[in-house]
Amino acid sequence: MSGPEGPATARSALPGRRARALATLAILLAGACGGLIGYALVDVSCSGDCGWQLGLGTLVGAVASAAGVAVVTSLTLRAMHEWRTAPRAAASPRTRRGPARRT
């Protein structure tokens, strides 16, 4: 669809590739660290044959920490997008008004 200014370009709401890659890397790293913490916690607290407990502790730790970091990265990427697309006219001195004066 084209108007008098030329063809309309659709802007994507997706963050940049680098930001998405860093967010994915942070989620994966947090999952690995959470899995190690879960494994170590069960390893310290369990005695004897603890095969399935170690696996469950690793899984729960990895999923919980990855989910937490995924929420934080999602909110961060969304905030970055809103910050970049905020209207610049609101910061203009012409549109800024001080408190109402009483006479």
C-alpha atoms as a PDB file:
ATOM      1  CA  MET A   1       0.000   0.000   0.000  1.00  0.00           C
ATOM      2  CA  SER A   2       1.505   3.321  -0.964  1.00  0.00           C
ATOM      3  CA  GLY A   3       0.429   6.825  -0.133  1.00  0.00           C
ATOM      4  CA  PRO A   4       1.540  10.254  -1.252  1.00  0.00           C
ATOM      5  CA  GLU A   5       4.796   9.884   0.724  1.00  0.00           C
ATOM      6  CA  GLY A   6       5.696   6.550  -0.878  1.00  0.00           C
ATOM      7  CA  PRO A   7       5.396   2.969   0.166  1.00  0.00           C
ATOM      8  CA  ALA A   8       4.501   2.418   3.811  1.00  0.00           C
ATOM      9  CA  THR A   9       7.129   0.590   5.788  1.00  0.00           C
ATOM     10  CA  ALA A  10       5.910  -1.670   8.543  1.00  0.00           C
ATOM     11  CA  ARG A  11       7.924  -1.296  11.721  1.00  0.00           C
ATOM     12  CA  SER A  12       8.501  -4.433  13.716  1.00  0.00           C
ATOM     13  CA  ALA A  13       8.001  -4.613  17.467  1.00  0.00           C
ATOM     14  CA  LEU A  14      10.791  -7.170  17.719  1.00  0.00           C
ATOM     15  CA  PRO A  15      14.019  -6.078  19.378  1.00  0.00           C
ATOM     16  CA  GLY A  16      17.249  -6.251  17.432  1.00  0.00           C
ATOM     17  CA  ARG A  17      19.064  -9.499  16.734  1.00  0.00           C
ATOM     18  CA  ARG A  18      21.892  -8.715  19.116  1.00  0.00           C
ATOM     19  CA  ALA A  19      19.506  -7.961  21.985  1.00  0.00           C
ATOM     20  CA  ARG A  20      17.562 -11.180  21.377  1.00  0.00           C
ATOM     21  CA  ALA A  21      20.790 -13.184  21.184  1.00  0.00           C
ATOM     22  CA  LEU A  22      22.049 -11.717  24.457  1.00  0.00           C
ATOM     23  CA  ALA A  23      18.705 -12.403  26.127  1.00  0.00           C
ATOM     24  CA  THR A  24      18.755 -16.018  24.945  1.00  0.00           C
ATOM     25  CA  LEU A  25      22.341 -16.425  26.119  1.00  0.00           C
ATOM     26  CA  ALA A  26      21.427 -15.004  29.541  1.00  0.00           C
ATOM     27  CA  ILE A  27      18.486 -17.413  29.864  1.00  0.00           C
ATOM     28  CA  LEU A  28      20.636 -20.405  28.922  1.00  0.00           C
ATOM     29  CA  LEU A  29      23.422 -19.371  31.286  1.00  0.00           C
ATOM     30  CA  ALA A  30      20.960 -18.875  34.136  1.00  0.00           C
ATOM     31  CA  GLY A  31      19.455 -22.300  33.456  1.00  0.00           C
ATOM     32  CA  ALA A  32      22.881 -23.931  33.600  1.00  0.00           C
ATOM     33  CA  CYS A  33      23.773 -22.137  36.829  1.00  0.00           C
ATOM     34  CA  GLY A  34      20.419 -22.996  38.379  1.00  0.00           C
ATOM     35  CA  GLY A  35      20.875 -26.630  37.424  1.00  0.00           C
ATOM     36  CA  LEU A  36      24.294 -26.691  39.070  1.00  0.00           C
ATOM     37  CA  ILE A  37      22.903 -25.087  42.215  1.00  0.00           C
ATOM     38  CA  GLY A  38      20.005 -27.562  42.325  1.00  0.00           C
ATOM     39  CA  TYR A  39      22.385 -30.478  41.860  1.00  0.00           C
ATOM     40  CA  ALA A  40      24.735 -29.221  44.578  1.00  0.00           C
ATOM     41  CA  LEU A  41      21.891 -28.586  47.009  1.00  0.00           C
ATOM     42  CA  VAL A  42      20.554 -32.125  46.649  1.00  0.00           C
ATOM     43  CA  ASP A  43      24.066 -33.595  46.682  1.00  0.00           C
ATOM     44  CA  VAL A  44      24.848 -31.942  50.024  1.00  0.00           C
ATOM     45  CA  SER A  45      21.531 -32.813  51.653  1.00  0.00           C
ATOM     46  CA  CYS A  46      21.081 -36.405  50.420  1.00  0.00           C
ATOM     47  CA  SER A  47      22.951 -39.508  51.535  1.00  0.00           C
ATOM     48  CA  GLY A  48      23.051 -42.919  49.907  1.00  0.00           C
ATOM     49  CA  ASP A  49      21.627 -43.605  46.453  1.00  0.00           C
ATOM     50  CA  CYS A  50      20.190 -40.267  45.299  1.00  0.00           C
ATOM     51  CA  GLY A  51      20.046 -40.699  41.525  1.00  0.00           C
ATOM     52  CA  TRP A  52      16.547 -39.460  40.783  1.00  0.00           C
ATOM     53  CA  GLN A  53      16.713 -36.794  43.514  1.00  0.00           C
ATOM     54  CA  LEU A  54      19.837 -35.343  41.906  1.00  0.00           C
ATOM     55  CA  GLY A  55      18.106 -35.292  38.531  1.00  0.00           C
ATOM     56  CA  LEU A  56      14.982 -33.685  39.961  1.00  0.00           C
ATOM     57  CA  GLY A  57      17.008 -31.061  41.845  1.00  0.00           C
ATOM     58  CA  THR A  58      18.944 -30.258  38.690  1.00  0.00           C
ATOM     59  CA  LEU A  59      15.777 -29.983  36.604  1.00  0.00           C
ATOM     60  CA  VAL A  60      13.875 -27.844  39.110  1.00  0.00           C
ATOM     61  CA  GLY A  61      16.840 -25.521  39.652  1.00  0.00           C
ATOM     62  CA  ALA A  62      17.439 -25.098  35.916  1.00  0.00           C
ATOM     63  CA  VAL A  63      13.793 -24.468  35.037  1.00  0.00           C
ATOM     64  CA  ALA A  64      13.171 -22.093  37.937  1.00  0.00           C
ATOM     65  CA  SER A  65      16.218 -19.927  37.296  1.00  0.00           C
ATOM     66  CA  ALA A  66      15.749 -19.898  33.518  1.00  0.00           C
ATOM     67  CA  ALA A  67      12.090 -18.902  33.942  1.00  0.00           C
ATOM     68  CA  GLY A  68      13.023 -16.078  36.302  1.00  0.00           C
ATOM     69  CA  VAL A  69      15.653 -14.698  33.955  1.00  0.00           C
ATOM     70  CA  ALA A  70      13.275 -15.093  31.004  1.00  0.00           C
ATOM     71  CA  VAL A  71      10.744 -12.838  32.752  1.00  0.00           C
ATOM     72  CA  VAL A  72      13.408 -10.225  33.474  1.00  0.00           C
ATOM     73  CA  THR A  73      14.799 -10.271  29.922  1.00  0.00           C
ATOM     74  CA  SER A  74      11.310 -10.064  28.441  1.00  0.00           C
ATOM     75  CA  LEU A  75      10.491  -7.015  30.536  1.00  0.00           C
ATOM     76  CA  THR A  76      13.857  -5.463  29.721  1.00  0.00           C
ATOM     77  CA  LEU A  77      13.432  -5.932  25.958  1.00  0.00           C
ATOM     78  CA  ARG A  78       9.915  -4.527  26.146  1.00  0.00           C
ATOM     79  CA  ALA A  79      11.107  -1.486  28.106  1.00  0.00           C
ATOM     80  CA  MET A  80      13.923  -0.910  25.615  1.00  0.00           C
ATOM     81  CA  HIS A  81      11.417  -0.968  22.762  1.00  0.00           C
ATOM     82  CA  GLU A  82       9.073   1.484  24.494  1.00  0.00           C
ATOM     83  CA  TRP A  83      11.960   3.781  25.345  1.00  0.00           C
ATOM     84  CA  ARG A  84      13.084   3.900  21.718  1.00  0.00           C
ATOM     85  CA  THR A  85       9.600   4.510  20.308  1.00  0.00           C
ATOM     86  CA  ALA A  86       8.473   7.106  22.864  1.00  0.00           C
ATOM     87  CA  PRO A  87       7.239  10.287  21.216  1.00  0.00           C
ATOM     88  CA  ARG A  88       9.961  12.895  21.207  1.00  0.00           C
ATOM     89  CA  ALA A  89       7.463  15.755  21.115  1.00  0.00           C
ATOM     90  CA  ALA A  90       6.774  15.349  24.831  1.00  0.00           C
ATOM     91  CA  ALA A  91      10.322  16.479  25.604  1.00  0.00           C
ATOM     92  CA  SER A  92      10.073  19.535  23.380  1.00  0.00           C
ATOM     93  CA  PRO A  93      10.242  22.898  25.222  1.00  0.00           C
ATOM     94  CA  ARG A  94       7.190  24.148  23.344  1.00  0.00           C
ATOM     95  CA  THR A  95       4.900  21.467  24.723  1.00  0.00           C
ATOM     96  CA  ARG A  96       6.258  21.577  28.273  1.00  0.00           C
ATOM     97  CA  ARG A  97       4.068  23.555  30.614  1.00  0.00           C
ATOM     98  CA  GLY A  98       4.738  24.507  34.158  1.00  0.00           C
ATOM     99  CA  PRO A  99       2.233  24.597  36.996  1.00  0.00           C
ATOM    100  CA  ALA A 100      -0.847  26.719  36.512  1.00  0.00           C
ATOM    101  CA  ARG A 101      -0.433  30.244  37.846  1.00  0.00           C
ATOM    102  CA  ARG A 102      -3.076  31.865  39.954  1.00  0.00           C
ATOM    103  CA  THR A 103      -3.671  35.551  39.560  1.00  0.00           C
END
